[in-house]
Amino acid sequence: RFLDRLPETERLALLRARRYLLTNQRILTVAKLPGHLITATSSYLLSY
């Protein structure tokens, strides 16, 4: 909500840093997914 209150350079740096964080989280999430998503109930949360 308040991200636009920061100078553009700070905003850009924060967005880049958050993107790096989320990209790593995505890689870890993909690594946990089983081969057959539909048949694995435990994977519903991961796919979500």
All heavy atoms as atom14 arrays in JSON, in Angstrom:
{
  "sequence": "RFLDRLPETERLALLRARRYLLTNQRILTVAKLPGHLITATSSYLLSY",
  "atom14_mask": [
    [1, 1, 1, 1, 1, 1, 1, 1, 1, 1, 1, 0, 0, 0],
    [1, 1, 1, 1, 1, 1, 1, 1, 1, 1, 1, 0, 0, 0],
    [1, 1, 1, 1, 1, 1, 1, 1, 0, 0, 0, 0, 0, 0],
    [1, 1, 1, 1, 1, 1, 1, 1, 0, 0, 0, 0, 0, 0],
    [1, 1, 1, 1, 1, 1, 1, 1, 1, 1, 1, 0, 0, 0],
    [1, 1, 1, 1, 1, 1, 1, 1, 0, 0, 0, 0, 0, 0],
    [1, 1, 1, 1, 1, 1, 1, 0, 0, 0, 0, 0, 0, 0],
    [1, 1, 1, 1, 1, 1, 1, 1, 1, 0, 0, 0, 0, 0],
    [1, 1, 1, 1, 1, 1, 1, 0, 0, 0, 0, 0, 0, 0],
    [1, 1, 1, 1, 1, 1, 1, 1, 1, 0, 0, 0, 0, 0],
    [1, 1, 1, 1, 1, 1, 1, 1, 1, 1, 1, 0, 0, 0],
    [1, 1, 1, 1, 1, 1, 1, 1, 0, 0, 0, 0, 0, 0],
    [1, 1, 1, 1, 1, 0, 0, 0, 0, 0, 0, 0, 0, 0],
    [1, 1, 1, 1, 1, 1, 1, 1, 0, 0, 0, 0, 0, 0],
    [1, 1, 1, 1, 1, 1, 1, 1, 0, 0, 0, 0, 0, 0],
    [1, 1, 1, 1, 1, 1, 1, 1, 1, 1, 1, 0, 0, 0],
    [1, 1, 1, 1, 1, 0, 0, 0, 0, 0, 0, 0, 0, 0],
    [1, 1, 1, 1, 1, 1, 1, 1, 1, 1, 1, 0, 0, 0],
    [1, 1, 1, 1, 1, 1, 1, 1, 1, 1, 1, 0, 0, 0],
    [1, 1, 1, 1, 1, 1, 1, 1, 1, 1, 1, 1, 0, 0],
    [1, 1, 1, 1, 1, 1, 1, 1, 0, 0, 0, 0, 0, 0],
    [1, 1, 1, 1, 1, 1, 1, 1, 0, 0, 0, 0, 0, 0],
    [1, 1, 1, 1, 1, 1, 1, 0, 0, 0, 0, 0, 0, 0],
    [1, 1, 1, 1, 1, 1, 1, 1, 0, 0, 0, 0, 0, 0],
    [1, 1, 1, 1, 1, 1, 1, 1, 1, 0, 0, 0, 0, 0],
    [1, 1, 1, 1, 1, 1, 1, 1, 1, 1, 1, 0, 0, 0],
    [1, 1, 1, 1, 1, 1, 1, 1, 0, 0, 0, 0, 0, 0],
    [1, 1, 1, 1, 1, 1, 1, 1, 0, 0, 0, 0, 0, 0],
    [1, 1, 1, 1, 1, 1, 1, 0, 0, 0, 0, 0, 0, 0],
    [1, 1, 1, 1, 1, 1, 1, 0, 0, 0, 0, 0, 0, 0],
    [1, 1, 1, 1, 1, 0, 0, 0, 0, 0, 0, 0, 0, 0],
    [1, 1, 1, 1, 1, 1, 1, 1, 1, 0, 0, 0, 0, 0],
    [1, 1, 1, 1, 1, 1, 1, 1, 0, 0, 0, 0, 0, 0],
    [1, 1, 1, 1, 1, 1, 1, 0, 0, 0, 0, 0, 0, 0],
    [1, 1, 1, 1, 0, 0, 0, 0, 0, 0, 0, 0, 0, 0],
    [1, 1, 1, 1, 1, 1, 1, 1, 1, 1, 0, 0, 0, 0],
    [1, 1, 1, 1, 1, 1, 1, 1, 0, 0, 0, 0, 0, 0],
    [1, 1, 1, 1, 1, 1, 1, 1, 0, 0, 0, 0, 0, 0],
    [1, 1, 1, 1, 1, 1, 1, 0, 0, 0, 0, 0, 0, 0],
    [1, 1, 1, 1, 1, 0, 0, 0, 0, 0, 0, 0, 0, 0],
    [1, 1, 1, 1, 1, 1, 1, 0, 0, 0, 0, 0, 0, 0],
    [1, 1, 1, 1, 1, 1, 0, 0, 0, 0, 0, 0, 0, 0],
    [1, 1, 1, 1, 1, 1, 0, 0, 0, 0, 0, 0, 0, 0],
    [1, 1, 1, 1, 1, 1, 1, 1, 1, 1, 1, 1, 0, 0],
    [1, 1, 1, 1, 1, 1, 1, 1, 0, 0, 0, 0, 0, 0],
    [1, 1, 1, 1, 1, 1, 1, 1, 0, 0, 0, 0, 0, 0],
    [1, 1, 1, 1, 1, 1, 0, 0, 0, 0, 0, 0, 0, 0],
    [1, 1, 1, 1, 1, 1, 1, 1, 1, 1, 1, 1, 0, 0]
  ],
  "atom14_positions": [
    [[0.82, -1.21, 0.0], [0.0, 0.0, 0.0], [0.86, 1.26, 0.0], [0.48, 2.28, -0.59], [-0.92, -0.01, 1.23], [-1.74, 1.25, 1.41], [-2.62, 1.19, 2.64], [-3.39, 2.4, 2.8], [-4.27, 2.61, 3.77], [-4.48, 1.68, 4.67], [-4.93, 3.74, 3.85], [0.0, 0.0, 0.0], [0.0, 0.0, 0.0], [0.0, 0.0, 0.0]],
    [[2.02, 1.19, 0.66], [2.86, 2.37, 0.8], [4.13, 2.3, -0.04], [5.01, 3.16, 0.1], [3.24, 2.56, 2.27], [2.07, 2.8, 3.18], [1.76, 1.88, 4.17], [1.27, 3.91, 3.02], [0.68, 2.1, 5.01], [0.18, 4.13, 3.84], [-0.12, 3.22, 4.85], [0.0, 0.0, 0.0], [0.0, 0.0, 0.0], [0.0, 0.0, 0.0]],
    [[4.24, 1.33, -0.91], [5.45, 1.18, -1.71], [5.72, 2.4, -2.57], [6.88, 2.79, -2.78], [5.35, -0.08, -2.58], [6.6, -0.46, -3.39], [7.79, -0.71, -2.46], [6.32, -1.7, -4.23], [0.0, 0.0, 0.0], [0.0, 0.0, 0.0], [0.0, 0.0, 0.0], [0.0, 0.0, 0.0], [0.0, 0.0, 0.0], [0.0, 0.0, 0.0]],
    [[4.66, 3.04, -3.06], [4.86, 4.21, -3.93], [5.31, 5.45, -3.17], [5.6, 6.48, -3.76], [3.59, 4.51, -4.72], [2.42, 4.89, -3.83], [2.52, 4.72, -2.59], [1.39, 5.36, -4.36], [0.0, 0.0, 0.0], [0.0, 0.0, 0.0], [0.0, 0.0, 0.0], [0.0, 0.0, 0.0], [0.0, 0.0, 0.0], [0.0, 0.0, 0.0]],
    [[5.4, 5.37, -1.83], [5.9, 6.5, -1.04], [7.43, 6.57, -1.06], [8.0, 7.55, -0.62], [5.41, 6.39, 0.41], [3.89, 6.26, 0.57], [3.18, 7.57, 0.31], [1.74, 7.42, 0.34], [1.01, 7.51, 1.44], [1.6, 7.74, 2.61], [-0.29, 7.39, 1.38], [0.0, 0.0, 0.0], [0.0, 0.0, 0.0], [0.0, 0.0, 0.0]],
    [[8.06, 5.5, -1.51], [9.52, 5.47, -1.58], [10.0, 6.05, -2.91], [9.27, 6.03, -3.9], [10.03, 4.03, -1.45], [9.73, 3.28, -0.15], [10.27, 1.86, -0.24], [10.31, 4.0, 1.05], [0.0, 0.0, 0.0], [0.0, 0.0, 0.0], [0.0, 0.0, 0.0], [0.0, 0.0, 0.0], [0.0, 0.0, 0.0], [0.0, 0.0, 0.0]],
    [[11.23, 6.56, -2.96], [11.8, 6.99, -4.23], [11.84, 5.83, -5.23], [11.91, 4.66, -4.83], [13.21, 7.45, -3.84], [13.14, 7.75, -2.39], [12.13, 6.8, -1.81], [0.0, 0.0, 0.0], [0.0, 0.0, 0.0], [0.0, 0.0, 0.0], [0.0, 0.0, 0.0], [0.0, 0.0, 0.0], [0.0, 0.0, 0.0], [0.0, 0.0, 0.0]],
    [[11.82, 6.14, -6.49], [11.76, 5.1, -7.52], [12.92, 4.12, -7.43], [12.74, 2.92, -7.64], [11.72, 5.74, -8.92], [10.36, 6.29, -9.3], [10.28, 6.62, -10.78], [11.24, 6.31, -11.52], [9.25, 7.18, -11.19], [0.0, 0.0, 0.0], [0.0, 0.0, 0.0], [0.0, 0.0, 0.0], [0.0, 0.0, 0.0], [0.0, 0.0, 0.0]],
    [[14.1, 4.62, -7.13], [15.27, 3.72, -7.05], [15.1, 2.71, -5.92], [15.44, 1.53, -6.07], [16.56, 4.53, -6.83], [16.4, 5.39, -5.69], [16.88, 5.35, -8.06], [0.0, 0.0, 0.0], [0.0, 0.0, 0.0], [0.0, 0.0, 0.0], [0.0, 0.0, 0.0], [0.0, 0.0, 0.0], [0.0, 0.0, 0.0], [0.0, 0.0, 0.0]],
    [[14.55, 3.16, -4.78], [14.31, 2.24, -3.65], [13.21, 1.26, -3.99], [13.28, 0.08, -3.63], [13.96, 3.03, -2.39], [15.11, 3.84, -1.82], [14.73, 4.51, -0.52], [13.98, 3.91, 0.27], [15.18, 5.65, -0.28], [0.0, 0.0, 0.0], [0.0, 0.0, 0.0], [0.0, 0.0, 0.0], [0.0, 0.0, 0.0], [0.0, 0.0, 0.0]],
    [[12.17, 1.75, -4.63], [11.08, 0.86, -5.05], [11.58, -0.24, -5.96], [11.26, -1.42, -5.79], [10.01, 1.67, -5.8], [8.78, 1.98, -4.99], [7.77, 2.71, -5.83], [8.15, 4.1, -6.03], [7.59, 4.9, -6.92], [6.68, 4.44, -7.75], [7.96, 6.16, -7.0], [0.0, 0.0, 0.0], [0.0, 0.0, 0.0], [0.0, 0.0, 0.0]],
    [[12.38, 0.15, -6.95], [12.9, -0.81, -7.91], [13.79, -1.84, -7.22], [13.71, -3.04, -7.5], [13.66, -0.08, -9.0], [14.18, -0.91, -10.19], [13.05, -1.67, -10.85], [14.89, -0.01, -11.19], [0.0, 0.0, 0.0], [0.0, 0.0, 0.0], [0.0, 0.0, 0.0], [0.0, 0.0, 0.0], [0.0, 0.0, 0.0], [0.0, 0.0, 0.0]],
    [[14.64, -1.37, -6.31], [15.53, -2.29, -5.6], [14.74, -3.28, -4.75], [15.07, -4.48, -4.71], [16.49, -1.49, -4.71], [0.0, 0.0, 0.0], [0.0, 0.0, 0.0], [0.0, 0.0, 0.0], [0.0, 0.0, 0.0], [0.0, 0.0, 0.0], [0.0, 0.0, 0.0], [0.0, 0.0, 0.0], [0.0, 0.0, 0.0], [0.0, 0.0, 0.0]],
    [[13.68, -2.81, -4.09], [12.86, -3.7, -3.26], [12.12, -4.73, -4.12], [12.02, -5.9, -3.76], [11.85, -2.89, -2.45], [12.29, -2.45, -1.05], [11.18, -1.64, -0.38], [12.64, -3.66, -0.2], [0.0, 0.0, 0.0], [0.0, 0.0, 0.0], [0.0, 0.0, 0.0], [0.0, 0.0, 0.0], [0.0, 0.0, 0.0], [0.0, 0.0, 0.0]],
    [[11.57, -4.28, -5.24], [10.85, -5.2, -6.13], [11.8, -6.26, -6.68], [11.43, -7.44, -6.77], [10.2, -4.42, -7.27], [8.96, -3.61, -6.9], [8.55, -2.71, -8.05], [7.8, -4.53, -6.5], [0.0, 0.0, 0.0], [0.0, 0.0, 0.0], [0.0, 0.0, 0.0], [0.0, 0.0, 0.0], [0.0, 0.0, 0.0], [0.0, 0.0, 0.0]],
    [[12.99, -5.86, -7.04], [13.98, -6.82, -7.54], [14.36, -7.82, -6.46], [14.46, -9.03, -6.72], [15.23, -6.08, -8.03], [15.04, -5.34, -9.34], [16.26, -4.5, -9.65], [16.19, -3.95, -11.0], [17.08, -3.09, -11.49], [18.08, -2.68, -10.72], [16.97, -2.65, -12.72], [0.0, 0.0, 0.0], [0.0, 0.0, 0.0], [0.0, 0.0, 0.0]],
    [[14.55, -7.32, -5.23], [14.92, -8.21, -4.14], [13.79, -9.18, -3.81], [14.02, -10.36, -3.55], [15.28, -7.39, -2.9], [0.0, 0.0, 0.0], [0.0, 0.0, 0.0], [0.0, 0.0, 0.0], [0.0, 0.0, 0.0], [0.0, 0.0, 0.0], [0.0, 0.0, 0.0], [0.0, 0.0, 0.0], [0.0, 0.0, 0.0], [0.0, 0.0, 0.0]],
    [[12.54, -8.68, -3.83], [11.41, -9.57, -3.56], [11.27, -10.59, -4.69], [10.93, -11.75, -4.47], [10.12, -8.78, -3.4], [8.91, -9.69, -3.11], [7.77, -8.96, -2.48], [6.65, -9.86, -2.26], [6.54, -10.71, -1.24], [7.5, -10.79, -0.34], [5.48, -11.5, -1.12], [0.0, 0.0, 0.0], [0.0, 0.0, 0.0], [0.0, 0.0, 0.0]],
    [[11.54, -10.18, -5.91], [11.45, -11.11, -7.03], [12.47, -12.24, -6.89], [12.17, -13.4, -7.17], [11.69, -10.38, -8.35], [11.26, -11.22, -9.55], [11.6, -10.53, -10.84], [10.84, -11.13, -11.92], [11.04, -12.36, -12.37], [11.99, -13.11, -11.83], [10.31, -12.85, -13.34], [0.0, 0.0, 0.0], [0.0, 0.0, 0.0], [0.0, 0.0, 0.0]],
    [[13.67, -11.9, -6.46], [14.71, -12.9, -6.23], [14.26, -13.88, -5.15], [14.43, -15.1, -5.28], [16.0, -12.2, -5.83], [17.15, -13.14, -5.56], [17.89, -13.69, -6.61], [17.49, -13.49, -4.26], [18.94, -14.57, -6.37], [18.55, -14.35, -4.01], [19.27, -14.89, -5.05], [20.3, -15.75, -4.82], [0.0, 0.0, 0.0], [0.0, 0.0, 0.0]],
    [[13.68, -13.35, -4.08], [13.18, -14.2, -2.99], [12.09, -15.14, -3.47], [12.11, -16.35, -3.19], [12.64, -13.3, -1.86], [11.97, -14.01, -0.67], [13.02, -14.72, 0.18], [11.2, -13.0, 0.18], [0.0, 0.0, 0.0], [0.0, 0.0, 0.0], [0.0, 0.0, 0.0], [0.0, 0.0, 0.0], [0.0, 0.0, 0.0], [0.0, 0.0, 0.0]],
    [[11.13, -14.61, -4.22], [10.01, -15.43, -4.7], [10.47, -16.45, -5.74], [9.93, -17.56, -5.81], [8.92, -14.54, -5.29], [8.22, -13.6, -4.31], [7.13, -12.81, -5.02], [7.63, -14.36, -3.13], [0.0, 0.0, 0.0], [0.0, 0.0, 0.0], [0.0, 0.0, 0.0], [0.0, 0.0, 0.0], [0.0, 0.0, 0.0], [0.0, 0.0, 0.0]],
    [[11.45, -16.08, -6.56], [11.98, -17.02, -7.55], [12.59, -18.23, -6.86], [12.38, -19.38, -7.27], [13.02, -16.34, -8.45], [12.41, -15.25, -9.14], [13.58, -17.32, -9.47], [0.0, 0.0, 0.0], [0.0, 0.0, 0.0], [0.0, 0.0, 0.0], [0.0, 0.0, 0.0], [0.0, 0.0, 0.0], [0.0, 0.0, 0.0], [0.0, 0.0, 0.0]],
    [[13.34, -18.0, -5.78], [13.91, -19.11, -5.02], [12.82, -19.96, -4.37], [12.9, -21.19, -4.32], [14.86, -18.57, -3.95], [16.16, -18.07, -4.55], [16.55, -18.48, -5.64], [16.83, -17.17, -3.84], [0.0, 0.0, 0.0], [0.0, 0.0, 0.0], [0.0, 0.0, 0.0], [0.0, 0.0, 0.0], [0.0, 0.0, 0.0], [0.0, 0.0, 0.0]],
    [[11.78, -19.29, -3.85], [10.65, -20.03, -3.26], [9.96, -20.89, -4.32], [9.54, -22.01, -4.04], [9.66, -19.06, -2.64], [10.15, -18.4, -1.38], [9.11, -17.49, -0.75], [8.0, -17.36, -1.26], [9.47, -16.85, 0.34], [0.0, 0.0, 0.0], [0.0, 0.0, 0.0], [0.0, 0.0, 0.0], [0.0, 0.0, 0.0], [0.0, 0.0, 0.0]],
    [[9.86, -20.37, -5.53], [9.22, -21.13, -6.6], [10.03, -22.37, -6.96], [9.47, -23.45, -7.17], [9.05, -20.24, -7.84], [8.18, -20.88, -8.91], [8.12, -20.03, -10.16], [7.1, -20.57, -11.04], [7.27, -21.61, -11.83], [8.44, -22.25, -11.84], [6.29, -22.05, -12.6], [0.0, 0.0, 0.0], [0.0, 0.0, 0.0], [0.0, 0.0, 0.0]],
    [[11.34, -22.22, -7.03], [12.21, -23.36, -7.35], [12.05, -24.45, -6.28], [11.95, -25.65, -6.6], [13.67, -22.9, -7.46], [13.84, -22.02, -8.71], [14.62, -24.09, -7.53], [15.19, -21.35, -8.8], [0.0, 0.0, 0.0], [0.0, 0.0, 0.0], [0.0, 0.0, 0.0], [0.0, 0.0, 0.0], [0.0, 0.0, 0.0], [0.0, 0.0, 0.0]],
    [[12.02, -24.04, -5.01], [11.85, -25.01, -3.93], [10.48, -25.67, -3.97], [10.34, -26.86, -3.69], [12.05, -24.31, -2.57], [13.46, -23.81, -2.27], [13.48, -23.02, -0.97], [14.43, -24.99, -2.19], [0.0, 0.0, 0.0], [0.0, 0.0, 0.0], [0.0, 0.0, 0.0], [0.0, 0.0, 0.0], [0.0, 0.0, 0.0], [0.0, 0.0, 0.0]],
    [[9.45, -24.9, -4.33], [8.09, -25.45, -4.41], [7.99, -26.48, -5.53], [7.41, -27.55, -5.36], [7.07, -24.32, -4.65], [7.16, -23.38, -3.57], [5.65, -24.88, -4.71], [0.0, 0.0, 0.0], [0.0, 0.0, 0.0], [0.0, 0.0, 0.0], [0.0, 0.0, 0.0], [0.0, 0.0, 0.0], [0.0, 0.0, 0.0], [0.0, 0.0, 0.0]],
    [[8.57, -26.15, -6.68], [8.56, -27.07, -7.82], [9.28, -28.36, -7.46], [8.85, -29.47, -7.83], [9.2, -26.42, -9.06], [9.44, -27.44, -10.16], [8.31, -25.29, -9.57], [0.0, 0.0, 0.0], [0.0, 0.0, 0.0], [0.0, 0.0, 0.0], [0.0, 0.0, 0.0], [0.0, 0.0, 0.0], [0.0, 0.0, 0.0], [0.0, 0.0, 0.0]],
    [[10.36, -28.26, -6.72], [11.13, -29.45, -6.34], [10.33, -30.39, -5.44], [10.57, -31.6, -5.42], [12.42, -29.03, -5.64], [0.0, 0.0, 0.0], [0.0, 0.0, 0.0], [0.0, 0.0, 0.0], [0.0, 0.0, 0.0], [0.0, 0.0, 0.0], [0.0, 0.0, 0.0], [0.0, 0.0, 0.0], [0.0, 0.0, 0.0], [0.0, 0.0, 0.0]],
    [[9.35, -29.85, -4.72], [8.56, -30.67, -3.8], [7.37, -31.33, -4.49], [6.76, -32.24, -3.93], [8.04, -29.81, -2.65], [9.12, -29.28, -1.74], [8.52, -28.37, -0.67], [9.59, -27.79, 0.24], [9.01, -26.87, 1.25], [0.0, 0.0, 0.0], [0.0, 0.0, 0.0], [0.0, 0.0, 0.0], [0.0, 0.0, 0.0], [0.0, 0.0, 0.0]],
    [[7.03, -30.87, -5.69], [5.85, -31.4, -6.37], [6.09, -32.82, -6.85], [7.12, -33.11, -7.46], [5.48, -30.51, -7.56], [4.87, -29.15, -7.22], [4.77, -28.3, -8.48], [3.5, -29.32, -6.59], [0.0, 0.0, 0.0], [0.0, 0.0, 0.0], [0.0, 0.0, 0.0], [0.0, 0.0, 0.0], [0.0, 0.0, 0.0], [0.0, 0.0, 0.0]],
    [[5.13, -33.73, -6.63], [5.26, -35.1, -7.17], [5.02, -35.11, -8.67], [4.6, -34.12, -9.27], [4.17, -35.87, -6.42], [3.15, -34.83, -6.07], [3.92, -33.55, -5.83], [0.0, 0.0, 0.0], [0.0, 0.0, 0.0], [0.0, 0.0, 0.0], [0.0, 0.0, 0.0], [0.0, 0.0, 0.0], [0.0, 0.0, 0.0], [0.0, 0.0, 0.0]],
    [[5.24, -36.25, -9.26], [5.1, -36.36, -10.7], [3.68, -36.22, -11.2], [3.43, -35.72, -12.28], [0.0, 0.0, 0.0], [0.0, 0.0, 0.0], [0.0, 0.0, 0.0], [0.0, 0.0, 0.0], [0.0, 0.0, 0.0], [0.0, 0.0, 0.0], [0.0, 0.0, 0.0], [0.0, 0.0, 0.0], [0.0, 0.0, 0.0], [0.0, 0.0, 0.0]],
    [[2.7, -36.66, -10.41], [1.29, -36.63, -10.85], [0.51, -35.76, -9.87], [0.08, -36.22, -8.81], [0.71, -38.04, -10.91], [1.5, -38.96, -11.8], [1.46, -38.87, -13.18], [2.37, -39.96, -11.51], [2.25, -39.8, -13.7], [2.82, -40.47, -12.7], [0.0, 0.0, 0.0], [0.0, 0.0, 0.0], [0.0, 0.0, 0.0], [0.0, 0.0, 0.0]],
    [[0.29, -34.51, -10.23], [-0.34, -33.56, -9.33], [-1.78, -33.95, -8.98], [-2.21, -33.81, -7.84], [-0.34, -32.17, -9.97], [1.02, -31.5, -10.15], [0.83, -30.14, -10.82], [1.69, -31.33, -8.81], [0.0, 0.0, 0.0], [0.0, 0.0, 0.0], [0.0, 0.0, 0.0], [0.0, 0.0, 0.0], [0.0, 0.0, 0.0], [0.0, 0.0, 0.0]],
    [[-2.52, -34.42, -9.96], [-3.95, -34.66, -9.75], [-4.19, -35.81, -8.77], [-5.15, -35.81, -8.03], [-4.65, -34.96, -11.1], [-4.4, -33.8, -12.07], [-6.14, -35.14, -10.91], [-4.85, -32.46, -11.56], [0.0, 0.0, 0.0], [0.0, 0.0, 0.0], [0.0, 0.0, 0.0], [0.0, 0.0, 0.0], [0.0, 0.0, 0.0], [0.0, 0.0, 0.0]],
    [[-3.32, -36.78, -8.76], [-3.54, -37.95, -7.91], [-2.95, -37.79, -6.52], [-3.15, -38.63, -5.67], [-2.92, -39.2, -8.56], [-1.52, -38.98, -8.74], [-3.55, -39.46, -9.92], [0.0, 0.0, 0.0], [0.0, 0.0, 0.0], [0.0, 0.0, 0.0], [0.0, 0.0, 0.0], [0.0, 0.0, 0.0], [0.0, 0.0, 0.0], [0.0, 0.0, 0.0]],
    [[-2.22, -36.73, -6.27], [-1.57, -36.56, -4.97], [-2.27, -35.44, -4.2], [-2.1, -34.27, -4.51], [-0.09, -36.24, -5.15], [0.0, 0.0, 0.0], [0.0, 0.0, 0.0], [0.0, 0.0, 0.0], [0.0, 0.0, 0.0], [0.0, 0.0, 0.0], [0.0, 0.0, 0.0], [0.0, 0.0, 0.0], [0.0, 0.0, 0.0], [0.0, 0.0, 0.0]],
    [[-3.06, -35.82, -3.19], [-3.79, -34.83, -2.41], [-2.84, -33.87, -1.72], [-3.11, -32.67, -1.61], [-4.66, -35.53, -1.36], [-5.52, -36.46, -2.0], [-5.5, -34.52, -0.59], [0.0, 0.0, 0.0], [0.0, 0.0, 0.0], [0.0, 0.0, 0.0], [0.0, 0.0, 0.0], [0.0, 0.0, 0.0], [0.0, 0.0, 0.0], [0.0, 0.0, 0.0]],
    [[-1.71, -34.35, -1.27], [-0.76, -33.51, -0.56], [-0.16, -32.43, -1.44], [0.41, -31.47, -0.95], [0.36, -34.37, 0.02], [1.07, -35.01, -1.01], [0.0, 0.0, 0.0], [0.0, 0.0, 0.0], [0.0, 0.0, 0.0], [0.0, 0.0, 0.0], [0.0, 0.0, 0.0], [0.0, 0.0, 0.0], [0.0, 0.0, 0.0], [0.0, 0.0, 0.0]],
    [[-0.3, -32.57, -2.75], [0.3, -31.58, -3.66], [-0.64, -30.43, -3.97], [-0.24, -29.47, -4.61], [0.69, -32.26, -4.97], [-0.46, -32.61, -5.7], [0.0, 0.0, 0.0], [0.0, 0.0, 0.0], [0.0, 0.0, 0.0], [0.0, 0.0, 0.0], [0.0, 0.0, 0.0], [0.0, 0.0, 0.0], [0.0, 0.0, 0.0], [0.0, 0.0, 0.0]],
    [[-1.91, -30.51, -3.54], [-2.85, -29.44, -3.85], [-2.36, -28.11, -3.3], [-2.41, -27.08, -3.98], [-4.23, -29.75, -3.27], [-4.96, -30.89, -3.93], [-6.08, -31.47, -3.35], [-4.51, -31.42, -5.15], [-6.75, -32.52, -3.95], [-5.16, -32.46, -5.75], [-6.28, -33.01, -5.15], [-6.94, -34.05, -5.75], [0.0, 0.0, 0.0], [0.0, 0.0, 0.0]],
    [[-1.91, -28.12, -2.06], [-1.42, -26.89, -1.45], [-0.19, -26.37, -2.17], [-0.03, -25.16, -2.38], [-1.11, -27.11, 0.03], [-0.61, -25.9, 0.83], [-1.64, -24.77, 0.77], [-0.31, -26.28, 2.26], [0.0, 0.0, 0.0], [0.0, 0.0, 0.0], [0.0, 0.0, 0.0], [0.0, 0.0, 0.0], [0.0, 0.0, 0.0], [0.0, 0.0, 0.0]],
    [[0.69, -27.28, -2.59], [1.9, -26.86, -3.3], [1.56, -26.25, -4.65], [2.14, -25.23, -5.05], [2.84, -28.06, -3.48], [3.48, -28.62, -2.21], [4.28, -29.87, -2.54], [4.37, -27.57, -1.56], [0.0, 0.0, 0.0], [0.0, 0.0, 0.0], [0.0, 0.0, 0.0], [0.0, 0.0, 0.0], [0.0, 0.0, 0.0], [0.0, 0.0, 0.0]],
    [[0.62, -26.88, -5.38], [0.25, -26.34, -6.69], [-0.47, -24.99, -6.53], [-0.29, -24.09, -7.36], [-0.63, -27.33, -7.45], [-1.8, -27.63, -6.72], [0.0, 0.0, 0.0], [0.0, 0.0, 0.0], [0.0, 0.0, 0.0], [0.0, 0.0, 0.0], [0.0, 0.0, 0.0], [0.0, 0.0, 0.0], [0.0, 0.0, 0.0], [0.0, 0.0, 0.0]],
    [[-1.24, -24.87, -5.47], [-1.9, -23.58, -5.18], [-0.86, -22.51, -4.89], [-0.93, -21.4, -5.41], [-2.84, -23.77, -3.99], [-3.42, -22.48, -3.45], [-4.45, -21.81, -4.13], [-2.96, -21.94, -2.25], [-4.99, -20.64, -3.63], [-3.5, -20.77, -1.75], [-4.51, -20.12, -2.43], [-5.04, -18.96, -1.94], [0.0, 0.0, 0.0], [0.0, 0.0, 0.0]]
  ]
}
